[in-house]
């Protein structure tokens, strides 16, 4: 592939494509290394997982050392020991995107799973649909059978959709893309009924272009991974 050639994700009809160039990828790799050197393992994990979503084949060639893994796994266990099940699920899901083979060796007891799942009810009681969406998509990523879309109540989906609409009307396009990507993962069957117009798409593409212009590679990776998820035909 030529140095400045691009990976182009072509969306369905009435959708505009977006590009991640090789230069973008190399800059994201450097950002990953920056997090490694600074020992910012949460940022390292989130950034790496986003790169894995953007291009899983390319990311499979990125070296994640045993020391890197040990550092990330150590922080995961801190969340487990502290009973911080939302943080545990978030970190676990990100690690699975990065290193599914290694994550397969980590066990979660049934009691721990019940604690993780109980947070969904808490977020429903709080009417906090943004947190519900985030946590539910982490659960779906870790173990899809734990979150059966058929068991999601209509009011749960309606709450998530209302949150998405609130982000649209307030022009919070980064939050809009994040929420939409969560909903796509949680229930792709229902997500087909979410209308993302060309105007909306251009707004969320704009965040990617702004990040590239600003050379903000963490932001670019975050938005690109959301766009990839939303546009996926899977």
Protein backbone atom coordinates (compact mmCIF):
# COMPACT_ATOMS: atom_id res chain seq x y z
CA UNK A 1 0.00 0.00 0.00
CA UNK A 2 1.38 3.42 -0.92
CA UNK A 3 2.50 5.64 1.99
CA UNK A 4 -0.42 8.06 1.74
CA UNK A 5 -3.06 5.64 0.55
CA UNK A 6 -6.16 5.36 2.68
CA UNK A 7 -8.38 2.71 4.12
CA UNK A 8 -11.86 3.72 2.97
CA UNK A 9 -14.95 2.51 4.73
CA UNK A 10 -17.82 2.81 2.27
CA UNK A 11 -21.17 3.11 3.96
CA UNK A 12 -24.57 2.18 2.62
CA UNK A 13 -26.67 4.37 0.37
CA UNK A 14 -27.03 8.01 1.49
CA UNK A 15 -23.87 7.65 3.58
CA UNK A 16 -20.57 9.43 3.03
CA UNK A 17 -17.25 7.57 3.34
CA UNK A 18 -14.47 8.50 5.70
CA UNK A 19 -10.78 7.73 5.47
CA UNK A 20 -7.97 6.74 7.79
CA UNK A 21 -4.66 7.27 6.05
CA UNK A 22 -1.42 5.43 6.73
CA UNK A 23 -0.08 8.69 8.16
CA UNK A 24 -3.04 8.75 10.56
CA UNK A 25 -2.28 5.17 11.58
CA UNK A 26 1.39 5.87 12.20
CA UNK A 27 0.47 8.90 14.30
CA UNK A 28 -1.97 6.79 16.32
CA UNK A 29 0.77 4.22 16.85
CA UNK A 30 3.06 6.93 18.18
CA UNK A 31 0.31 8.10 20.52
CA UNK A 32 -0.06 4.52 21.79
CA UNK A 33 3.65 4.45 22.51
CA UNK A 34 3.41 7.79 24.29
CA UNK A 35 0.83 6.30 26.66
CA UNK A 36 3.07 3.29 27.19
CA UNK A 37 6.10 5.39 28.05
CA UNK A 38 4.07 7.54 30.43
CA UNK A 39 2.55 4.38 31.98
CA UNK A 40 -0.94 5.77 31.40
CA UNK A 41 -2.42 2.29 31.15
CA UNK A 42 -6.05 3.34 31.05
CA UNK A 43 -5.36 5.62 28.10
CA UNK A 44 -3.17 2.94 26.54
CA UNK A 45 -6.00 0.41 26.79
CA UNK A 46 -8.69 2.73 25.45
CA UNK A 47 -6.54 3.98 22.58
CA UNK A 48 -5.40 0.47 21.65
CA UNK A 49 -8.94 -0.88 21.69
CA UNK A 50 -10.06 1.92 19.39
CA UNK A 51 -7.27 1.14 16.95
CA UNK A 52 -8.32 -2.51 17.03
CA UNK A 53 -11.87 -1.49 16.06
CA UNK A 54 -10.64 0.79 13.27
CA UNK A 55 -8.52 -1.93 11.64
CA UNK A 56 -8.30 -5.26 13.45
CA UNK A 57 -5.97 -6.77 10.85
CA UNK A 58 -3.45 -3.93 11.12
CA UNK A 59 -3.71 -3.90 14.88
CA UNK A 60 -2.91 -7.61 15.02
CA UNK A 61 0.62 -6.64 13.96
CA UNK A 62 1.04 -4.09 16.76
CA UNK A 63 3.33 -5.40 19.49
CA UNK A 64 1.76 -5.53 22.94
CA UNK A 65 4.47 -6.79 25.25
CA UNK A 66 4.08 -9.07 28.26
CA UNK A 67 4.87 -6.07 30.45
CA UNK A 68 2.14 -4.05 28.73
CA UNK A 69 -0.35 -6.84 29.34
CA UNK A 70 0.70 -7.28 32.97
CA UNK A 71 0.24 -3.57 33.63
CA UNK A 72 -3.21 -3.48 32.03
CA UNK A 73 -4.31 -6.69 33.76
CA UNK A 74 -3.06 -5.36 37.12
CA UNK A 75 -5.35 -2.34 36.84
CA UNK A 76 -8.26 -4.59 35.86
CA UNK A 77 -7.76 -6.60 39.04
CA UNK A 78 -7.69 -3.41 41.12
CA UNK A 79 -11.21 -2.66 39.86
CA UNK A 80 -12.29 -6.23 40.66
CA UNK A 81 -10.87 -6.10 44.18
CA UNK A 82 -12.51 -2.74 44.80
CA UNK A 83 -15.89 -3.90 43.52
CA UNK A 84 -15.91 -1.12 40.91
CA UNK A 85 -17.94 -3.19 38.48
CA UNK A 86 -18.65 -0.43 35.98
CA UNK A 87 -14.92 0.31 35.67
CA UNK A 88 -14.14 -3.41 35.64
CA UNK A 89 -16.56 -4.08 32.79
CA UNK A 90 -15.31 -1.08 30.83
CA UNK A 91 -11.68 -2.14 31.16
CA UNK A 92 -12.46 -5.81 30.48
CA UNK A 93 -14.34 -4.99 27.27
CA UNK A 94 -11.51 -2.78 26.02
CA UNK A 95 -8.95 -5.46 26.75
CA UNK A 96 -11.05 -8.00 24.87
CA UNK A 97 -11.04 -5.79 21.78
CA UNK A 98 -7.27 -5.48 22.00
CA UNK A 99 -6.24 -8.97 23.01
CA UNK A 100 -9.13 -11.46 22.83
CA UNK A 101 -6.91 -14.52 23.23
CA UNK A 102 -5.37 -13.34 26.48
CA UNK A 103 -8.66 -12.06 27.85
CA UNK A 104 -10.17 -15.51 27.30
CA UNK A 105 -7.98 -16.71 30.17
CA UNK A 106 -9.54 -14.27 32.65
CA UNK A 107 -12.44 -15.70 34.64
CA UNK A 108 -15.43 -13.83 36.01
CA UNK A 109 -17.51 -15.65 38.63
CA UNK A 110 -21.29 -15.81 38.44
CA UNK A 111 -21.50 -13.66 41.57
CA UNK A 112 -19.31 -11.05 39.90
CA UNK A 113 -21.46 -11.19 36.78
CA UNK A 114 -24.58 -10.54 38.83
CA UNK A 115 -22.90 -7.47 40.34
CA UNK A 116 -22.01 -6.23 36.85
CA UNK A 117 -25.54 -6.81 35.55
CA UNK A 118 -27.15 -5.20 38.61
CA UNK A 119 -25.72 -1.84 37.55
CA UNK A 120 -28.10 -1.82 34.58
CA UNK A 121 -31.07 -1.73 36.96
CA UNK A 122 -29.40 1.05 38.93
CA UNK A 123 -28.98 3.18 35.81
CA UNK A 124 -32.63 2.53 34.83
CA UNK A 125 -33.79 3.73 38.25
CA UNK A 126 -31.65 6.85 37.83
CA UNK A 127 -32.96 7.32 34.28
CA UNK A 128 -29.29 7.64 33.30
CA UNK A 129 -29.52 6.25 29.79
CA UNK A 130 -26.06 7.41 28.75
CA UNK A 131 -24.49 5.32 31.51
CA UNK A 132 -26.93 2.48 30.80
CA UNK A 133 -25.85 2.48 27.14
CA UNK A 134 -22.17 2.58 27.97
CA UNK A 135 -22.37 -0.23 30.51
CA UNK A 136 -24.67 -2.38 28.37
CA UNK A 137 -22.36 -2.15 25.37
CA UNK A 138 -19.41 -3.19 27.55
CA UNK A 139 -21.37 -6.22 28.74
CA UNK A 140 -22.32 -7.11 25.16
CA UNK A 141 -18.67 -6.86 24.10
CA UNK A 142 -17.44 -9.06 26.94
CA UNK A 143 -20.03 -11.80 26.61
CA UNK A 144 -22.84 -11.18 24.17
CA UNK A 145 -25.17 -13.81 25.61
CA UNK A 146 -25.28 -11.87 28.89
CA UNK A 147 -27.15 -9.08 27.10
CA UNK A 148 -29.90 -10.56 24.98
CA UNK A 149 -31.44 -7.80 22.82
CA UNK A 150 -34.78 -9.62 23.05
CA UNK A 151 -34.76 -9.04 26.81
CA UNK A 152 -34.27 -5.28 26.48
CA UNK A 153 -37.54 -3.56 27.25
CA UNK A 154 -38.97 -1.05 24.84
CA UNK A 155 -38.62 1.65 27.47
CA UNK A 156 -34.90 0.88 27.79
CA UNK A 157 -34.40 1.39 24.06
CA UNK A 158 -36.65 4.45 24.10
CA UNK A 159 -34.54 5.93 26.90
CA UNK A 160 -31.36 5.39 24.92
CA UNK A 161 -32.96 6.81 21.77
CA UNK A 162 -34.15 9.88 23.68
CA UNK A 163 -30.60 10.45 24.88
CA UNK A 164 -29.35 10.18 21.31
CA UNK A 165 -31.96 12.72 20.20
CA UNK A 166 -30.96 15.08 23.03
CA UNK A 167 -27.37 15.00 21.81
CA UNK A 168 -28.60 15.76 18.29
CA UNK A 169 -30.74 18.73 19.27
CA UNK A 170 -27.94 20.17 21.42
CA UNK A 171 -25.38 19.58 18.62
CA UNK A 172 -23.17 17.47 20.90
CA UNK A 173 -21.83 15.47 17.98
CA UNK A 174 -19.06 13.61 19.78
CA UNK A 175 -21.58 12.39 22.37
CA UNK A 176 -24.02 11.63 19.57
CA UNK A 177 -21.51 9.40 17.79
CA UNK A 178 -20.57 7.68 21.04
CA UNK A 179 -24.20 7.00 21.97
CA UNK A 180 -25.04 5.79 18.47
CA UNK A 181 -22.10 3.38 18.48
CA UNK A 182 -23.19 1.98 21.84
CA UNK A 183 -26.72 1.44 20.58
CA UNK A 184 -25.48 -0.23 17.40
CA UNK A 185 -23.53 -2.76 19.48
CA UNK A 186 -26.35 -3.33 21.97
CA UNK A 187 -29.04 -4.07 19.41
CA UNK A 188 -28.11 -3.80 15.72
CA UNK A 189 -31.59 -5.01 14.76
CA UNK A 190 -33.30 -2.04 16.37
CA UNK A 191 -30.55 0.33 15.35
CA UNK A 192 -31.53 0.06 11.69
CA UNK A 193 -34.53 2.22 12.57
CA UNK A 194 -32.30 5.07 13.80
CA UNK A 195 -32.15 7.67 11.04
CA UNK A 196 -28.72 9.25 10.61
CA UNK A 197 -29.11 11.81 7.86
CA UNK A 198 -26.33 13.07 5.61
CA UNK A 199 -26.35 16.30 7.61
CA UNK A 200 -25.82 14.44 10.88
CA UNK A 201 -23.17 12.23 9.30
CA UNK A 202 -21.25 15.26 8.06
CA UNK A 203 -21.33 16.73 11.56
CA UNK A 204 -19.81 13.64 13.14
CA UNK A 205 -17.33 13.25 10.29
CA UNK A 206 -16.34 16.84 10.99
CA UNK A 207 -15.08 15.88 14.45
CA UNK A 208 -12.73 13.38 12.83
CA UNK A 209 -11.45 15.99 10.40
CA UNK A 210 -10.98 18.52 13.21
CA UNK A 211 -8.97 15.98 15.21
CA UNK A 212 -6.73 15.32 12.20
CA UNK A 213 -6.20 19.06 11.68
CA UNK A 214 -5.39 19.51 15.38
CA UNK A 215 -3.11 16.44 15.34
CA UNK A 216 -5.14 15.13 18.27
CA UNK A 217 -4.63 11.44 17.59
CA UNK A 218 -6.45 10.13 20.62
CA UNK A 219 -9.54 12.07 19.63
CA UNK A 220 -9.20 10.92 16.03
CA UNK A 221 -8.98 7.27 17.10
CA UNK A 222 -12.02 7.64 19.35
CA UNK A 223 -14.19 9.18 16.65
CA UNK A 224 -12.96 6.87 13.89
CA UNK A 225 -13.76 3.80 15.99
CA UNK A 226 -17.30 5.10 16.56
CA UNK A 227 -17.77 5.80 12.87
CA UNK A 228 -16.50 2.33 12.00
CA UNK A 229 -18.96 0.76 14.45
CA UNK A 230 -21.93 2.77 13.24
CA UNK A 231 -21.13 2.08 9.59
CA UNK A 232 -20.46 -1.63 9.99
CA UNK A 233 -22.84 -3.86 8.07
CA UNK A 234 -22.43 -6.67 10.60
